[in-house]
Amino acid sequence: MKAPTREITRIVPDATALKALTHPVRLRMLGMLRIDGPANATRLAERLGLNSGATSYHLRQLAQHGFIEEVPDQPSRRDRWWQARHESTSFFEPGGTEEQFDSSVAFAQAALTEQVNLMQRAQDEFVQLPSEWQATTQISDFTMALTAEQANALKNKLLELLWQAMREAPDPRGELPPGVEAYTVMLHAFPYPGRLVAGQGGDK
């Protein structure tokens, strides 16, 4: 029997919104709201080691650009809770303006930094994981000789596999069935550095 699927909501921000998301604190806060569910400034401040005034400012910036929204039926007027509006951010659309391209490059750099930090935090916790979850951890890289067309085909095949798995999985923000936990797969695919661009010091 085929597993039921759900719609994965995405946002395609404009250049200004994408630029606002390059701030490392906002990027991490958005990730927390997408994975852990709604939170207020105080709770996020505790997790990030910041004061609630700073987190409130960043939350307002995220809301202004459409990444988050206030939770309906707020528990109190003084204590505002926020939730992510989408599960995924799409960027680097071909054929855009120079400003869109520059914002996409800046966002990619910020996202990469946060992803490396997330992988390091996961590695730091590895020895404390139950053995069955230790077995799910994978650190590998694969380098192969392909044309640009073949590389795109492989990338798209991997992306479709991951999107399908995500559509068939429960929303991580909700109550999960016993034995089910949030599981992260990061996909980085790129031409090997130093080959296409001269003077980058790539190893042969």
Protein backbone atom coordinates (compact mmCIF):
# COMPACT_ATOMS: atom_id res chain seq x y z
CA MET A 1 0.00 0.00 0.00
CA LYS A 2 1.41 3.38 -0.98
CA ALA A 3 2.21 5.71 1.91
CA PRO A 4 -0.03 8.80 2.16
CA THR A 5 1.60 12.02 1.08
CA ARG A 6 1.30 15.60 2.26
CA GLU A 7 2.02 18.89 0.55
CA ILE A 8 5.38 20.48 1.38
CA THR A 9 4.88 24.23 1.54
CA ARG A 10 7.64 26.38 0.02
CA ILE A 11 8.46 30.07 -0.23
CA VAL A 12 10.31 31.69 -3.12
CA PRO A 13 11.45 34.99 -1.57
CA ASP A 14 12.37 38.04 -3.61
CA ALA A 15 15.87 39.50 -3.45
CA THR A 16 15.10 41.78 -0.49
CA ALA A 17 13.53 39.01 1.60
CA LEU A 18 16.33 36.59 0.75
CA LYS A 19 18.90 39.20 1.79
CA ALA A 20 17.14 39.56 5.15
CA LEU A 21 17.36 35.81 5.66
CA THR A 22 21.16 35.76 5.27
CA HIS A 23 21.52 36.88 8.90
CA PRO A 24 22.76 33.77 10.76
CA VAL A 25 20.46 34.26 13.77
CA ARG A 26 17.36 34.61 11.57
CA LEU A 27 18.35 31.58 9.52
CA ARG A 28 18.74 29.43 12.61
CA MET A 29 15.55 30.75 14.20
CA LEU A 30 13.56 29.93 11.08
CA GLY A 31 15.01 26.42 11.09
CA MET A 32 13.98 25.96 14.73
CA LEU A 33 10.42 27.08 14.02
CA ARG A 34 10.22 24.78 10.99
CA ILE A 35 11.47 21.71 12.84
CA ASP A 36 10.46 22.22 16.47
CA GLY A 37 7.22 24.12 15.96
CA PRO A 38 5.93 27.41 17.42
CA ALA A 39 7.93 29.37 19.99
CA ASN A 40 8.11 32.79 21.57
CA ALA A 41 11.03 35.22 21.80
CA THR A 42 11.92 34.12 25.33
CA ARG A 43 12.16 30.45 24.44
CA LEU A 44 14.23 31.15 21.34
CA ALA A 45 16.50 33.51 23.29
CA GLU A 46 17.24 30.77 25.82
CA ARG A 47 18.18 28.31 23.09
CA LEU A 48 20.30 30.82 21.16
CA GLY A 49 22.00 32.44 24.12
CA LEU A 50 20.57 35.88 23.28
CA ASN A 51 18.31 38.35 25.03
CA SER A 52 14.62 38.34 24.20
CA GLY A 53 14.81 41.86 22.78
CA ALA A 54 17.20 40.69 20.07
CA THR A 55 15.13 37.62 19.23
CA SER A 56 11.97 39.75 19.10
CA TYR A 57 13.63 42.04 16.55
CA HIS A 58 14.70 39.13 14.35
CA LEU A 59 11.24 37.56 14.62
CA ARG A 60 9.67 40.79 13.38
CA GLN A 61 12.09 40.85 10.45
CA LEU A 62 11.20 37.26 9.53
CA ALA A 63 7.50 38.12 9.76
CA GLN A 64 7.91 41.28 7.68
CA HIS A 65 9.34 39.24 4.81
CA GLY A 66 6.74 36.48 4.98
CA PHE A 67 8.77 33.65 6.52
CA ILE A 68 6.81 33.36 9.79
CA GLU A 69 3.48 34.45 11.25
CA GLU A 70 1.85 34.80 14.63
CA VAL A 71 0.19 31.69 16.01
CA PRO A 72 -3.62 31.97 15.94
CA ASP A 73 -5.32 32.15 19.36
CA GLN A 74 -2.35 33.64 21.21
CA PRO A 75 -2.12 32.51 24.87
CA SER A 76 -1.69 36.15 25.96
CA ARG A 77 -1.38 39.58 24.37
CA ARG A 78 2.03 40.22 25.95
CA ASP A 79 3.60 36.89 25.01
CA ARG A 80 3.56 36.52 21.21
CA TRP A 81 4.13 33.06 19.76
CA TRP A 82 5.34 32.56 16.19
CA GLN A 83 5.23 29.74 13.66
CA ALA A 84 6.89 29.11 10.30
CA ARG A 85 4.67 29.72 7.28
CA HIS A 86 6.53 27.25 5.04
CA GLU A 87 8.71 24.16 5.37
CA SER A 88 11.21 25.02 2.64
CA THR A 89 12.91 28.01 0.98
CA SER A 90 13.60 27.93 -2.77
CA PHE A 91 16.17 30.26 -4.29
CA PHE A 92 18.67 30.71 -7.13
CA GLU A 93 16.09 30.67 -9.89
CA PRO A 94 17.76 30.91 -13.33
CA GLY A 95 17.09 33.97 -15.43
CA GLY A 96 16.68 36.38 -12.54
CA THR A 97 18.08 39.85 -12.10
CA GLU A 98 21.62 40.62 -10.96
CA GLU A 99 20.24 41.60 -7.54
CA GLN A 100 18.45 38.25 -7.25
CA PHE A 101 21.62 36.42 -8.24
CA ASP A 102 23.72 38.31 -5.68
CA SER A 103 21.15 37.69 -2.94
CA SER A 104 21.03 34.00 -3.83
CA VAL A 105 24.81 33.70 -3.61
CA ALA A 106 24.84 35.47 -0.23
CA PHE A 107 22.03 33.25 1.06
CA ALA A 108 23.79 30.11 -0.16
CA GLN A 109 26.90 31.10 1.81
CA ALA A 110 24.85 31.76 4.96
CA ALA A 111 22.93 28.49 4.54
CA LEU A 112 26.15 26.53 4.04
CA THR A 113 27.61 27.98 7.25
CA GLU A 114 24.50 27.00 9.21
CA GLN A 115 24.46 23.52 7.66
CA VAL A 116 28.12 22.94 8.58
CA ASN A 117 27.33 24.06 12.14
CA LEU A 118 24.34 21.71 12.25
CA MET A 119 26.44 18.79 11.04
CA GLN A 120 29.08 19.56 13.67
CA ARG A 121 26.45 19.65 16.43
CA ALA A 122 25.12 16.31 15.21
CA GLN A 123 28.64 14.84 15.24
CA ASP A 124 29.21 16.17 18.77
CA GLU A 125 26.10 14.26 19.91
CA PHE A 126 26.95 11.07 17.99
CA VAL A 127 28.45 9.12 20.91
CA GLN A 128 25.32 9.79 23.00
CA LEU A 129 22.88 8.47 20.40
CA PRO A 130 21.21 5.05 20.75
CA SER A 131 23.02 2.49 18.59
CA GLU A 132 20.11 2.17 16.13
CA TRP A 133 20.32 5.91 15.44
CA GLN A 134 24.11 5.88 15.26
CA ALA A 135 23.69 3.45 12.37
CA THR A 136 21.61 6.03 10.46
CA THR A 137 24.49 8.56 10.38
CA GLN A 138 26.41 8.77 7.10
CA ILE A 139 29.44 10.87 6.17
CA SER A 140 30.49 10.21 2.56
CA ASP A 141 31.49 12.00 -0.60
CA PHE A 142 31.42 10.75 -4.19
CA THR A 143 33.33 12.32 -7.07
CA MET A 144 32.65 11.17 -10.64
CA ALA A 145 33.23 12.41 -14.19
CA LEU A 146 29.96 13.70 -15.73
CA THR A 147 28.70 16.19 -18.29
CA ALA A 148 26.66 19.14 -17.01
CA GLU A 149 23.53 17.42 -18.37
CA GLN A 150 24.35 14.17 -16.55
CA ALA A 151 25.17 16.06 -13.35
CA ASN A 152 21.81 17.85 -13.45
CA ALA A 153 19.98 14.59 -14.10
CA LEU A 154 21.66 12.95 -11.10
CA LYS A 155 21.00 15.96 -8.86
CA ASN A 156 17.33 16.06 -9.87
CA LYS A 157 16.94 12.31 -9.30
CA LEU A 158 18.34 12.63 -5.78
CA LEU A 159 16.16 15.66 -5.06
CA GLU A 160 13.01 13.90 -6.21
CA LEU A 161 13.83 10.92 -3.99
CA LEU A 162 14.27 13.23 -0.99
CA TRP A 163 11.15 15.28 -1.74
CA GLN A 164 9.11 12.09 -2.03
CA ALA A 165 10.45 10.80 1.29
CA MET A 166 9.60 14.15 2.88
CA ARG A 167 6.07 14.11 1.44
CA GLU A 168 5.50 10.63 2.86
CA ALA A 169 6.90 11.46 6.32
CA PRO A 170 4.91 13.06 9.16
CA ASP A 171 5.31 16.78 9.78
CA PRO A 172 8.22 17.03 12.30
CA ARG A 173 6.45 19.91 14.08
CA GLY A 174 3.57 17.67 15.12
CA GLU A 175 3.30 14.77 17.53
CA LEU A 176 5.37 11.94 16.07
CA PRO A 177 4.58 8.23 16.31
CA PRO A 178 6.70 6.12 18.71
CA GLY A 179 10.20 5.51 17.34
CA VAL A 180 9.94 8.33 14.78
CA GLU A 181 12.33 11.28 15.06
CA ALA A 182 13.30 14.27 12.88
CA TYR A 183 16.01 13.05 10.48
CA THR A 184 18.09 15.42 8.35
CA VAL A 185 19.66 14.69 4.95
CA MET A 186 21.86 17.41 3.45
CA LEU A 187 22.60 17.32 -0.26
CA HIS A 188 25.64 19.23 -1.55
CA ALA A 189 26.46 18.73 -5.21
CA PHE A 190 29.02 20.82 -7.10
CA PRO A 191 31.71 20.75 -9.79
CA TYR A 192 34.98 19.73 -8.16
CA PRO A 193 36.78 22.98 -7.17
CA GLY A 194 39.80 24.10 -9.17
CA ARG A 195 38.88 22.46 -12.48
CA LEU A 196 36.35 24.78 -14.14
CA VAL A 197 37.64 27.92 -12.45
CA ALA A 198 41.36 28.51 -12.86
CA GLY A 199 43.63 29.43 -10.00
CA GLN A 200 41.52 27.92 -7.21
CA GLY A 201 44.16 25.46 -6.08
CA GLY A 202 42.17 22.30 -6.64
CA ASP A 203 43.99 18.98 -6.22
CA LYS A 204 44.42 16.75 -9.23
